[in-house]
């Protein structure tokens, strides 16, 4: 139940900088009722 509106860049991002050999793994993760509208207001690459 998270609402994300008018983001300057992307709405929700999943990243793993510097991770290797399985060190940066996301598991048992659940996204439910996540509503995202309006992204990239700062002109950045976005989703």
ModelCIF file with pLDDT and N, C-alpha, C, O atoms, coordinates in Angstrom:
data_MODEL
#
_entry.id   MODEL 
#
_entity.id                         1 
_entity.type                       polymer 
_entity.pdbx_number_of_molecules   1 
#
_entity_poly.entity_id                      1 
_entity_poly.type                           'polypeptide(L)' 
_entity_poly.nstd_linkage                   no 
_entity_poly.nstd_monomer                   no 
_entity_poly.pdbx_seq_one_letter_code       
;(UNK)(UNK)(UNK)(UNK)(UNK)(UNK)(UNK)(UNK)(UNK)(UNK)(UNK)(UNK)(UNK)(UNK)(UNK)(UNK)
(UNK)(UNK)(UNK)(UNK)(UNK)(UNK)(UNK)(UNK)(UNK)(UNK)(UNK)(UNK)(UNK)(UNK)(UNK)(UNK)
(UNK)(UNK)(UNK)(UNK)(UNK)(UNK)(UNK)(UNK)(UNK)(UNK)(UNK)(UNK)(UNK)(UNK)(UNK)
;
_entity_poly.pdbx_seq_one_letter_code_can   XXXXXXXXXXXXXXXXXXXXXXXXXXXXXXXXXXXXXXXXXXXXXXX 
_entity_poly.pdbx_strand_id                 A 
#
loop_
_entity_poly_seq.entity_id 
_entity_poly_seq.num 
_entity_poly_seq.mon_id 
_entity_poly_seq.hetero 
1 1  UNK n 
1 2  UNK n 
1 3  UNK n 
1 4  UNK n 
1 5  UNK n 
1 6  UNK n 
1 7  UNK n 
1 8  UNK n 
1 9  UNK n 
1 10 UNK n 
1 11 UNK n 
1 12 UNK n 
1 13 UNK n 
1 14 UNK n 
1 15 UNK n 
1 16 UNK n 
1 17 UNK n 
1 18 UNK n 
1 19 UNK n 
1 20 UNK n 
1 21 UNK n 
1 22 UNK n 
1 23 UNK n 
1 24 UNK n 
1 25 UNK n 
1 26 UNK n 
1 27 UNK n 
1 28 UNK n 
1 29 UNK n 
1 30 UNK n 
1 31 UNK n 
1 32 UNK n 
1 33 UNK n 
1 34 UNK n 
1 35 UNK n 
1 36 UNK n 
1 37 UNK n 
1 38 UNK n 
1 39 UNK n 
1 40 UNK n 
1 41 UNK n 
1 42 UNK n 
1 43 UNK n 
1 44 UNK n 
1 45 UNK n 
1 46 UNK n 
1 47 UNK n 
#
_struct_asym.id          A 
_struct_asym.entity_id   1 
#
loop_
_ma_qa_metric.id 
_ma_qa_metric.mode 
_ma_qa_metric.name 
_ma_qa_metric.software_group_id 
_ma_qa_metric.type 
1 global pLDDT . pLDDT 
2 local  pLDDT . pLDDT 
#
_ma_qa_metric_global.metric_id      1 
_ma_qa_metric_global.metric_value   93.91 
_ma_qa_metric_global.model_id       1 
_ma_qa_metric_global.ordinal_id     1 
#
loop_
_ma_qa_metric_local.label_asym_id 
_ma_qa_metric_local.label_comp_id 
_ma_qa_metric_local.label_seq_id 
_ma_qa_metric_local.metric_id 
_ma_qa_metric_local.metric_value 
_ma_qa_metric_local.model_id 
_ma_qa_metric_local.ordinal_id 
A UNK 1  2 98.00 1 1  
A UNK 2  2 98.00 1 2  
A UNK 3  2 98.00 1 3  
A UNK 4  2 98.00 1 4  
A UNK 5  2 98.00 1 5  
A UNK 6  2 98.00 1 6  
A UNK 7  2 97.00 1 7  
A UNK 8  2 96.00 1 8  
A UNK 9  2 96.00 1 9  
A UNK 10 2 97.00 1 10 
A UNK 11 2 98.00 1 11 
A UNK 12 2 98.00 1 12 
A UNK 13 2 98.00 1 13 
A UNK 14 2 98.00 1 14 
A UNK 15 2 97.00 1 15 
A UNK 16 2 96.00 1 16 
A UNK 17 2 93.00 1 17 
A UNK 18 2 82.00 1 18 
A UNK 19 2 82.00 1 19 
A UNK 20 2 79.00 1 20 
A UNK 21 2 77.00 1 21 
A UNK 22 2 76.00 1 22 
A UNK 23 2 86.00 1 23 
A UNK 24 2 94.00 1 24 
A UNK 25 2 96.00 1 25 
A UNK 26 2 97.00 1 26 
A UNK 27 2 97.00 1 27 
A UNK 28 2 98.00 1 28 
A UNK 29 2 98.00 1 29 
A UNK 30 2 98.00 1 30 
A UNK 31 2 98.00 1 31 
A UNK 32 2 98.00 1 32 
A UNK 33 2 98.00 1 33 
A UNK 34 2 98.00 1 34 
A UNK 35 2 98.00 1 35 
A UNK 36 2 98.00 1 36 
A UNK 37 2 98.00 1 37 
A UNK 38 2 97.00 1 38 
A UNK 39 2 97.00 1 39 
A UNK 40 2 95.00 1 40 
A UNK 41 2 93.00 1 41 
A UNK 42 2 92.00 1 42 
A UNK 43 2 85.00 1 43 
A UNK 44 2 82.00 1 44 
A UNK 45 2 85.00 1 45 
A UNK 46 2 94.00 1 46 
A UNK 47 2 96.00 1 47 
#
loop_
_atom_site.group_PDB 
_atom_site.id 
_atom_site.type_symbol 
_atom_site.label_atom_id 
_atom_site.label_alt_id 
_atom_site.label_comp_id 
_atom_site.label_asym_id 
_atom_site.label_entity_id 
_atom_site.label_seq_id 
_atom_site.pdbx_PDB_ins_code 
_atom_site.Cartn_x 
_atom_site.Cartn_y 
_atom_site.Cartn_z 
_atom_site.occupancy 
_atom_site.B_iso_or_equiv 
_atom_site.pdbx_formal_charge 
_atom_site.auth_seq_id 
_atom_site.auth_comp_id 
_atom_site.auth_asym_id 
_atom_site.auth_atom_id 
_atom_site.pdbx_PDB_model_num 
ATOM 1   N N  . UNK A 1 1  ? 0.833  -1.207  0.000   1.00 98.00 ? 1  UNK A N  1 
ATOM 2   C CA . UNK A 1 1  ? 0.000  0.000   0.000   1.00 98.00 ? 1  UNK A CA 1 
ATOM 3   C C  . UNK A 1 1  ? 0.871  1.262   0.000   1.00 98.00 ? 1  UNK A C  1 
ATOM 4   O O  . UNK A 1 1  ? 0.745  2.122   0.872   1.00 98.00 ? 1  UNK A O  1 
ATOM 5   N N  . UNK A 1 2  ? 1.737  1.348   -0.976  1.00 98.00 ? 2  UNK A N  1 
ATOM 6   C CA . UNK A 1 2  ? 2.625  2.500   -1.126  1.00 98.00 ? 2  UNK A CA 1 
ATOM 7   C C  . UNK A 1 2  ? 2.253  3.230   -2.410  1.00 98.00 ? 2  UNK A C  1 
ATOM 8   O O  . UNK A 1 2  ? 2.162  2.627   -3.478  1.00 98.00 ? 2  UNK A O  1 
ATOM 9   N N  . UNK A 1 3  ? 2.040  4.526   -2.291  1.00 98.00 ? 3  UNK A N  1 
ATOM 10  C CA . UNK A 1 3  ? 1.719  5.377   -3.433  1.00 98.00 ? 3  UNK A CA 1 
ATOM 11  C C  . UNK A 1 3  ? 2.908  6.286   -3.718  1.00 98.00 ? 3  UNK A C  1 
ATOM 12  O O  . UNK A 1 3  ? 3.418  6.964   -2.826  1.00 98.00 ? 3  UNK A O  1 
ATOM 13  N N  . UNK A 1 4  ? 3.341  6.288   -4.979  1.00 98.00 ? 4  UNK A N  1 
ATOM 14  C CA . UNK A 1 4  ? 4.501  7.086   -5.396  1.00 98.00 ? 4  UNK A CA 1 
ATOM 15  C C  . UNK A 1 4  ? 4.050  7.995   -6.532  1.00 98.00 ? 4  UNK A C  1 
ATOM 16  O O  . UNK A 1 4  ? 3.625  7.510   -7.581  1.00 98.00 ? 4  UNK A O  1 
ATOM 17  N N  . UNK A 1 5  ? 4.137  9.308   -6.332  1.00 98.00 ? 5  UNK A N  1 
ATOM 18  C CA . UNK A 1 5  ? 3.633  10.253  -7.327  1.00 98.00 ? 5  UNK A CA 1 
ATOM 19  C C  . UNK A 1 5  ? 4.685  11.289  -7.693  1.00 98.00 ? 5  UNK A C  1 
ATOM 20  O O  . UNK A 1 5  ? 5.471  11.734  -6.857  1.00 98.00 ? 5  UNK A O  1 
ATOM 21  N N  . UNK A 1 6  ? 4.674  11.657  -8.963  1.00 98.00 ? 6  UNK A N  1 
ATOM 22  C CA . UNK A 1 6  ? 5.483  12.779  -9.465  1.00 98.00 ? 6  UNK A CA 1 
ATOM 23  C C  . UNK A 1 6  ? 6.946  12.664  -9.048  1.00 98.00 ? 6  UNK A C  1 
ATOM 24  O O  . UNK A 1 6  ? 7.516  13.591  -8.473  1.00 98.00 ? 6  UNK A O  1 
ATOM 25  N N  . UNK A 1 7  ? 7.537  11.523  -9.345  1.00 97.00 ? 7  UNK A N  1 
ATOM 26  C CA . UNK A 1 7  ? 8.940  11.287  -8.983  1.00 97.00 ? 7  UNK A CA 1 
ATOM 27  C C  . UNK A 1 7  ? 9.863  12.152  -9.831  1.00 97.00 ? 7  UNK A C  1 
ATOM 28  O O  . UNK A 1 7  ? 9.613  12.376  -11.016 1.00 97.00 ? 7  UNK A O  1 
ATOM 29  N N  . UNK A 1 8  ? 10.923 12.629  -9.211  1.00 96.00 ? 8  UNK A N  1 
ATOM 30  C CA . UNK A 1 8  ? 11.910 13.422  -9.938  1.00 96.00 ? 8  UNK A CA 1 
ATOM 31  C C  . UNK A 1 8  ? 12.665 12.536  -10.924 1.00 96.00 ? 8  UNK A C  1 
ATOM 32  O O  . UNK A 1 8  ? 12.982 12.965  -12.034 1.00 96.00 ? 8  UNK A O  1 
ATOM 33  N N  . UNK A 1 9  ? 12.953 11.296  -10.516 1.00 96.00 ? 9  UNK A N  1 
ATOM 34  C CA . UNK A 1 9  ? 13.545 10.324  -11.442 1.00 96.00 ? 9  UNK A CA 1 
ATOM 35  C C  . UNK A 1 9  ? 12.612 9.122   -11.547 1.00 96.00 ? 9  UNK A C  1 
ATOM 36  O O  . UNK A 1 9  ? 11.465 9.276   -11.968 1.00 96.00 ? 9  UNK A O  1 
ATOM 37  N N  . UNK A 1 10 ? 13.073 7.930   -11.175 1.00 97.00 ? 10 UNK A N  1 
ATOM 38  C CA . UNK A 1 10 ? 12.222 6.738   -11.260 1.00 97.00 ? 10 UNK A CA 1 
ATOM 39  C C  . UNK A 1 10 ? 11.353 6.603   -10.012 1.00 97.00 ? 10 UNK A C  1 
ATOM 40  O O  . UNK A 1 10 ? 11.612 7.214   -8.975  1.00 97.00 ? 10 UNK A O  1 
ATOM 41  N N  . UNK A 1 11 ? 10.306 5.775   -10.152 1.00 98.00 ? 11 UNK A N  1 
ATOM 42  C CA . UNK A 1 11 ? 9.414  5.563   -9.026  1.00 98.00 ? 11 UNK A CA 1 
ATOM 43  C C  . UNK A 1 11 ? 10.012 4.622   -7.997  1.00 98.00 ? 11 UNK A C  1 
ATOM 44  O O  . UNK A 1 11 ? 10.251 5.017   -6.856  1.00 98.00 ? 11 UNK A O  1 
ATOM 45  N N  . UNK A 1 12 ? 10.259 3.356   -8.400  1.00 98.00 ? 12 UNK A N  1 
ATOM 46  C CA . UNK A 1 12 ? 10.829 2.358   -7.506  1.00 98.00 ? 12 UNK A CA 1 
ATOM 47  C C  . UNK A 1 12 ? 11.967 1.677   -8.238  1.00 98.00 ? 12 UNK A C  1 
ATOM 48  O O  . UNK A 1 12 ? 11.796 1.206   -9.362  1.00 98.00 ? 12 UNK A O  1 
ATOM 49  N N  . UNK A 1 13 ? 13.135 1.624   -7.602  1.00 98.00 ? 13 UNK A N  1 
ATOM 50  C CA . UNK A 1 13 ? 14.300 1.016   -8.235  1.00 98.00 ? 13 UNK A CA 1 
ATOM 51  C C  . UNK A 1 13 ? 14.875 -0.070  -7.334  1.00 98.00 ? 13 UNK A C  1 
ATOM 52  O O  . UNK A 1 13 ? 14.872 0.049   -6.109  1.00 98.00 ? 13 UNK A O  1 
ATOM 53  N N  . UNK A 1 14 ? 15.372 -1.140  -7.971  1.00 98.00 ? 14 UNK A N  1 
ATOM 54  C CA . UNK A 1 14 ? 16.059 -2.218  -7.276  1.00 98.00 ? 14 UNK A CA 1 
ATOM 55  C C  . UNK A 1 14 ? 17.445 -2.305  -7.895  1.00 98.00 ? 14 UNK A C  1 
ATOM 56  O O  . UNK A 1 14 ? 17.581 -2.594  -9.084  1.00 98.00 ? 14 UNK A O  1 
ATOM 57  N N  . UNK A 1 15 ? 18.475 -2.056  -7.091  1.00 97.00 ? 15 UNK A N  1 
ATOM 58  C CA . UNK A 1 15 ? 19.853 -1.981  -7.591  1.00 97.00 ? 15 UNK A CA 1 
ATOM 59  C C  . UNK A 1 15 ? 20.768 -2.777  -6.670  1.00 97.00 ? 15 UNK A C  1 
ATOM 60  O O  . UNK A 1 15 ? 20.450 -3.002  -5.502  1.00 97.00 ? 15 UNK A O  1 
ATOM 61  N N  . UNK A 1 16 ? 21.924 -3.205  -7.217  1.00 96.00 ? 16 UNK A N  1 
ATOM 62  C CA . UNK A 1 16 ? 22.881 -3.973  -6.428  1.00 96.00 ? 16 UNK A CA 1 
ATOM 63  C C  . UNK A 1 16 ? 24.301 -3.543  -6.749  1.00 96.00 ? 16 UNK A C  1 
ATOM 64  O O  . UNK A 1 16 ? 25.056 -4.326  -7.324  1.00 96.00 ? 16 UNK A O  1 
ATOM 65  N N  . UNK A 1 17 ? 24.691 -2.317  -6.397  1.00 93.00 ? 17 UNK A N  1 
ATOM 66  C CA . UNK A 1 17 ? 26.032 -1.828  -6.725  1.00 93.00 ? 17 UNK A CA 1 
ATOM 67  C C  . UNK A 1 17 ? 27.115 -2.572  -5.962  1.00 93.00 ? 17 UNK A C  1 
ATOM 68  O O  . UNK A 1 17 ? 26.998 -2.785  -4.755  1.00 93.00 ? 17 UNK A O  1 
ATOM 69  N N  . UNK A 1 18 ? 28.151 -2.962  -6.655  1.00 82.00 ? 18 UNK A N  1 
ATOM 70  C CA . UNK A 1 18 ? 29.294 -3.581  -6.004  1.00 82.00 ? 18 UNK A CA 1 
ATOM 71  C C  . UNK A 1 18 ? 29.079 -4.999  -5.540  1.00 82.00 ? 18 UNK A C  1 
ATOM 72  O O  . UNK A 1 18 ? 29.964 -5.581  -4.913  1.00 82.00 ? 18 UNK A O  1 
ATOM 73  N N  . UNK A 1 19 ? 27.918 -5.576  -5.833  1.00 82.00 ? 19 UNK A N  1 
ATOM 74  C CA . UNK A 1 19 ? 27.654 -6.938  -5.371  1.00 82.00 ? 19 UNK A CA 1 
ATOM 75  C C  . UNK A 1 19 ? 28.202 -7.957  -6.361  1.00 82.00 ? 19 UNK A C  1 
ATOM 76  O O  . UNK A 1 19 ? 28.214 -7.724  -7.570  1.00 82.00 ? 19 UNK A O  1 
ATOM 77  N N  . UNK A 1 20 ? 28.651 -9.079  -5.838  1.00 79.00 ? 20 UNK A N  1 
ATOM 78  C CA . UNK A 1 20 ? 29.160 -10.155 -6.679  1.00 79.00 ? 20 UNK A CA 1 
ATOM 79  C C  . UNK A 1 20 ? 29.077 -11.468 -5.918  1.00 79.00 ? 20 UNK A C  1 
ATOM 80  O O  . UNK A 1 20 ? 28.960 -11.478 -4.693  1.00 79.00 ? 20 UNK A O  1 
ATOM 81  N N  . UNK A 1 21 ? 29.138 -12.568 -6.645  1.00 77.00 ? 21 UNK A N  1 
ATOM 82  C CA . UNK A 1 21 ? 29.116 -13.900 -6.058  1.00 77.00 ? 21 UNK A CA 1 
ATOM 83  C C  . UNK A 1 21 ? 27.936 -14.085 -5.112  1.00 77.00 ? 21 UNK A C  1 
ATOM 84  O O  . UNK A 1 21 ? 28.062 -14.715 -4.062  1.00 77.00 ? 21 UNK A O  1 
ATOM 85  N N  . UNK A 1 22 ? 26.776 -13.526 -5.498  1.00 76.00 ? 22 UNK A N  1 
ATOM 86  C CA . UNK A 1 22 ? 25.567 -13.711 -4.700  1.00 76.00 ? 22 UNK A CA 1 
ATOM 87  C C  . UNK A 1 22 ? 25.493 -12.893 -3.441  1.00 76.00 ? 22 UNK A C  1 
ATOM 88  O O  . UNK A 1 22 ? 24.602 -13.116 -2.622  1.00 76.00 ? 22 UNK A O  1 
ATOM 89  N N  . UNK A 1 23 ? 26.407 -11.942 -3.251  1.00 86.00 ? 23 UNK A N  1 
ATOM 90  C CA . UNK A 1 23 ? 26.414 -11.143 -2.018  1.00 86.00 ? 23 UNK A CA 1 
ATOM 91  C C  . UNK A 1 23 ? 25.218 -10.216 -1.911  1.00 86.00 ? 23 UNK A C  1 
ATOM 92  O O  . UNK A 1 23 ? 24.739 -9.955  -0.808  1.00 86.00 ? 23 UNK A O  1 
ATOM 93  N N  . UNK A 1 24 ? 24.725 -9.711  -3.044  1.00 94.00 ? 24 UNK A N  1 
ATOM 94  C CA . UNK A 1 24 ? 23.644 -8.729  -3.015  1.00 94.00 ? 24 UNK A CA 1 
ATOM 95  C C  . UNK A 1 24 ? 22.366 -9.274  -3.619  1.00 94.00 ? 24 UNK A C  1 
ATOM 96  O O  . UNK A 1 24 ? 21.929 -8.797  -4.666  1.00 94.00 ? 24 UNK A O  1 
ATOM 97  N N  . UNK A 1 25 ? 21.754 -10.266 -2.980  1.00 96.00 ? 25 UNK A N  1 
ATOM 98  C CA . UNK A 1 25 ? 20.578 -10.950 -3.506  1.00 96.00 ? 25 UNK A CA 1 
ATOM 99  C C  . UNK A 1 25 ? 19.330 -10.547 -2.726  1.00 96.00 ? 25 UNK A C  1 
ATOM 100 O O  . UNK A 1 25 ? 19.349 -10.496 -1.497  1.00 96.00 ? 25 UNK A O  1 
ATOM 101 N N  . UNK A 1 26 ? 18.258 -10.266 -3.440  1.00 97.00 ? 26 UNK A N  1 
ATOM 102 C CA . UNK A 1 26 ? 16.962 -9.984  -2.819  1.00 97.00 ? 26 UNK A CA 1 
ATOM 103 C C  . UNK A 1 26 ? 16.109 -11.244 -2.886  1.00 97.00 ? 26 UNK A C  1 
ATOM 104 O O  . UNK A 1 26 ? 15.911 -11.809 -3.961  1.00 97.00 ? 26 UNK A O  1 
ATOM 105 N N  . UNK A 1 27 ? 15.606 -11.681 -1.736  1.00 97.00 ? 27 UNK A N  1 
ATOM 106 C CA . UNK A 1 27 ? 14.762 -12.879 -1.698  1.00 97.00 ? 27 UNK A CA 1 
ATOM 107 C C  . UNK A 1 27 ? 13.608 -12.668 -0.733  1.00 97.00 ? 27 UNK A C  1 
ATOM 108 O O  . UNK A 1 27 ? 13.662 -11.806 0.144   1.00 97.00 ? 27 UNK A O  1 
ATOM 109 N N  . UNK A 1 28 ? 12.569 -13.463 -0.905  1.00 98.00 ? 28 UNK A N  1 
ATOM 110 C CA . UNK A 1 28 ? 11.360 -13.379 -0.081  1.00 98.00 ? 28 UNK A CA 1 
ATOM 111 C C  . UNK A 1 28 ? 10.867 -11.936 -0.004  1.00 98.00 ? 28 UNK A C  1 
ATOM 112 O O  . UNK A 1 28 ? 10.572 -11.411 1.069   1.00 98.00 ? 28 UNK A O  1 
ATOM 113 N N  . UNK A 1 29 ? 10.787 -11.315 -1.185  1.00 98.00 ? 29 UNK A N  1 
ATOM 114 C CA . UNK A 1 29 ? 10.336 -9.922  -1.288  1.00 98.00 ? 29 UNK A CA 1 
ATOM 115 C C  . UNK A 1 29 ? 8.967  -9.889  -1.942  1.00 98.00 ? 29 UNK A C  1 
ATOM 116 O O  . UNK A 1 29 ? 8.696  -10.630 -2.887  1.00 98.00 ? 29 UNK A O  1 
ATOM 117 N N  . UNK A 1 30 ? 8.120  -9.032  -1.432  1.00 98.00 ? 30 UNK A N  1 
ATOM 118 C CA . UNK A 1 30 ? 6.741  -8.946  -1.924  1.00 98.00 ? 30 UNK A CA 1 
ATOM 119 C C  . UNK A 1 30 ? 6.336  -7.477  -2.076  1.00 98.00 ? 30 UNK A C  1 
ATOM 120 O O  . UNK A 1 30 ? 6.486  -6.681  -1.148  1.00 98.00 ? 30 UNK A O  1 
ATOM 121 N N  . UNK A 1 31 ? 5.824  -7.134  -3.253  1.00 98.00 ? 31 UNK A N  1 
ATOM 122 C CA . UNK A 1 31 ? 5.296  -5.802  -3.531  1.00 98.00 ? 31 UNK A CA 1 
ATOM 123 C C  . UNK A 1 31 ? 3.807  -5.945  -3.793  1.00 98.00 ? 31 UNK A C  1 
ATOM 124 O O  . UNK A 1 31 ? 3.405  -6.630  -4.733  1.00 98.00 ? 31 UNK A O  1 
ATOM 125 N N  . UNK A 1 32 ? 2.991  -5.310  -2.973  1.00 98.00 ? 32 UNK A N  1 
ATOM 126 C CA . UNK A 1 32 ? 1.544  -5.435  -3.132  1.00 98.00 ? 32 UNK A CA 1 
ATOM 127 C C  . UNK A 1 32 ? 0.883  -4.069  -2.987  1.00 98.00 ? 32 UNK A C  1 
ATOM 128 O O  . UNK A 1 32 ? 1.238  -3.284  -2.108  1.00 98.00 ? 32 UNK A O  1 
ATOM 129 N N  . UNK A 1 33 ? -0.075 -3.800  -3.856  1.00 98.00 ? 33 UNK A N  1 
ATOM 130 C CA . UNK A 1 33 ? -0.787 -2.512  -3.873  1.00 98.00 ? 33 UNK A CA 1 
ATOM 131 C C  . UNK A 1 33 ? 0.199  -1.349  -3.912  1.00 98.00 ? 33 UNK A C  1 
ATOM 132 O O  . UNK A 1 33 ? 0.097  -0.396  -3.139  1.00 98.00 ? 33 UNK A O  1 
ATOM 133 N N  . UNK A 1 34 ? 1.147  -1.450  -4.825  1.00 98.00 ? 34 UNK A N  1 
ATOM 134 C CA . UNK A 1 34 ? 2.104  -0.367  -5.066  1.00 98.00 ? 34 UNK A CA 1 
ATOM 135 C C  . UNK A 1 34 ? 1.631  0.380   -6.304  1.00 98.00 ? 34 UNK A C  1 
ATOM 136 O O  . UNK A 1 34 ? 1.541  -0.200  -7.386  1.00 98.00 ? 34 UNK A O  1 
ATOM 137 N N  . UNK A 1 35 ? 1.332  1.655   -6.149  1.00 98.00 ? 35 UNK A N  1 
ATOM 138 C CA . UNK A 1 35 ? 0.788  2.471   -7.235  1.00 98.00 ? 35 UNK A CA 1 
ATOM 139 C C  . UNK A 1 35 ? 1.754  3.605   -7.558  1.00 98.00 ? 35 UNK A C  1 
ATOM 140 O O  . UNK A 1 35 ? 2.101  4.407   -6.691  1.00 98.00 ? 35 UNK A O  1 
ATOM 141 N N  . UNK A 1 36 ? 2.184  3.660   -8.823  1.00 98.00 ? 36 UNK A N  1 
ATOM 142 C CA . UNK A 1 36 ? 3.186  4.631   -9.237  1.00 98.00 ? 36 UNK A CA 1 
ATOM 143 C C  . UNK A 1 36 ? 2.667  5.420   -10.432 1.00 98.00 ? 36 UNK A C  1 
ATOM 144 O O  . UNK A 1 36 ? 2.305  4.839   -11.455 1.00 98.00 ? 36 UNK A O  1 
ATOM 145 N N  . UNK A 1 37 ? 2.631  6.743   -10.302 1.00 98.00 ? 37 UNK A N  1 
ATOM 146 C CA . UNK A 1 37 ? 2.204  7.611   -11.406 1.00 98.00 ? 37 UNK A CA 1 
ATOM 147 C C  . UNK A 1 37 ? 3.128  8.812   -11.496 1.00 98.00 ? 37 UNK A C  1 
ATOM 148 O O  . UNK A 1 37 ? 3.478  9.407   -10.476 1.00 98.00 ? 37 UNK A O  1 
ATOM 149 N N  . UNK A 1 38 ? 3.527  9.174   -12.711 1.00 97.00 ? 38 UNK A N  1 
ATOM 150 C CA . UNK A 1 38 ? 4.332  10.365  -12.925 1.00 97.00 ? 38 UNK A CA 1 
ATOM 151 C C  . UNK A 1 38 ? 5.773  10.169  -12.512 1.00 97.00 ? 38 UNK A C  1 
ATOM 152 O O  . UNK A 1 38 ? 6.088  10.213  -11.322 1.00 97.00 ? 38 UNK A O  1 
ATOM 153 N N  . UNK A 1 39 ? 6.652  9.953   -13.472 1.00 97.00 ? 39 UNK A N  1 
ATOM 154 C CA . UNK A 1 39 ? 8.071  9.799   -13.165 1.00 97.00 ? 39 UNK A CA 1 
ATOM 155 C C  . UNK A 1 39 ? 8.893  10.655  -14.121 1.00 97.00 ? 39 UNK A C  1 
ATOM 156 O O  . UNK A 1 39 ? 8.406  11.102  -15.160 1.00 97.00 ? 39 UNK A O  1 
ATOM 157 N N  . UNK A 1 40 ? 10.157 10.873  -13.740 1.00 95.00 ? 40 UNK A N  1 
ATOM 158 C CA . UNK A 1 40 ? 11.080 11.587  -14.612 1.00 95.00 ? 40 UNK A CA 1 
ATOM 159 C C  . UNK A 1 40 ? 10.869 13.081  -14.693 1.00 95.00 ? 40 UNK A C  1 
ATOM 160 O O  . UNK A 1 40 ? 11.208 13.694  -15.705 1.00 95.00 ? 40 UNK A O  1 
ATOM 161 N N  . UNK A 1 41 ? 10.319 13.683  -13.654 1.00 93.00 ? 41 UNK A N  1 
ATOM 162 C CA . UNK A 1 41 ? 10.083 15.129  -13.711 1.00 93.00 ? 41 UNK A CA 1 
ATOM 163 C C  . UNK A 1 41 ? 11.388 15.924  -13.783 1.00 93.00 ? 41 UNK A C  1 
ATOM 164 O O  . UNK A 1 41 ? 11.396 17.071  -14.231 1.00 93.00 ? 41 UNK A O  1 
ATOM 165 N N  . UNK A 1 42 ? 12.488 15.314  -13.341 1.00 92.00 ? 42 UNK A N  1 
ATOM 166 C CA . UNK A 1 42 ? 13.781 15.982  -13.434 1.00 92.00 ? 42 UNK A CA 1 
ATOM 167 C C  . UNK A 1 42 ? 14.492 15.748  -14.741 1.00 92.00 ? 42 UNK A C  1 
ATOM 168 O O  . UNK A 1 42 ? 15.612 16.220  -14.937 1.00 92.00 ? 42 UNK A O  1 
ATOM 169 N N  . UNK A 1 43 ? 13.849 15.020  -15.646 1.00 85.00 ? 43 UNK A N  1 
ATOM 170 C CA . UNK A 1 43 ? 14.431 14.787  -16.955 1.00 85.00 ? 43 UNK A CA 1 
ATOM 171 C C  . UNK A 1 43 ? 15.438 13.666  -16.993 1.00 85.00 ? 43 UNK A C  1 
ATOM 172 O O  . UNK A 1 43 ? 16.099 13.476  -18.014 1.00 85.00 ? 43 UNK A O  1 
ATOM 173 N N  . UNK A 1 44 ? 15.582 12.911  -15.912 1.00 82.00 ? 44 UNK A N  1 
ATOM 174 C CA . UNK A 1 44 ? 16.566 11.836  -15.859 1.00 82.00 ? 44 UNK A CA 1 
ATOM 175 C C  . UNK A 1 44 ? 16.069 10.616  -16.626 1.00 82.00 ? 44 UNK A C  1 
ATOM 176 O O  . UNK A 1 44 ? 14.878 10.528  -16.922 1.00 82.00 ? 44 UNK A O  1 
ATOM 177 N N  . UNK A 1 45 ? 16.954 9.669   -16.958 1.00 85.00 ? 45 UNK A N  1 
ATOM 178 C CA . UNK A 1 45 ? 16.475 8.356   -17.417 1.00 85.00 ? 45 UNK A CA 1 
ATOM 179 C C  . UNK A 1 45 ? 15.610 7.750   -16.317 1.00 85.00 ? 45 UNK A C  1 
ATOM 180 O O  . UNK A 1 45 ? 16.006 7.766   -15.151 1.00 85.00 ? 45 UNK A O  1 
ATOM 181 N N  . UNK A 1 46 ? 14.461 7.224   -16.654 1.00 94.00 ? 46 UNK A N  1 
ATOM 182 C CA . UNK A 1 46 ? 13.543 6.832   -15.602 1.00 94.00 ? 46 UNK A CA 1 
ATOM 183 C C  . UNK A 1 46 ? 12.569 5.757   -16.075 1.00 94.00 ? 46 UNK A C  1 
ATOM 184 O O  . UNK A 1 46 ? 12.337 5.573   -17.270 1.00 94.00 ? 46 UNK A O  1 
ATOM 185 N N  . UNK A 1 47 ? 12.008 5.053   -15.090 1.00 96.00 ? 47 UNK A N  1 
ATOM 186 C CA . UNK A 1 47 ? 10.916 4.100   -15.282 1.00 96.00 ? 47 UNK A CA 1 
ATOM 187 C C  . UNK A 1 47 ? 10.080 4.113   -14.012 1.00 96.00 ? 47 UNK A C  1 
ATOM 188 O O  . UNK A 1 47 ? 9.089  3.389   -13.917 1.00 96.00 ? 47 UNK A O  1 
#
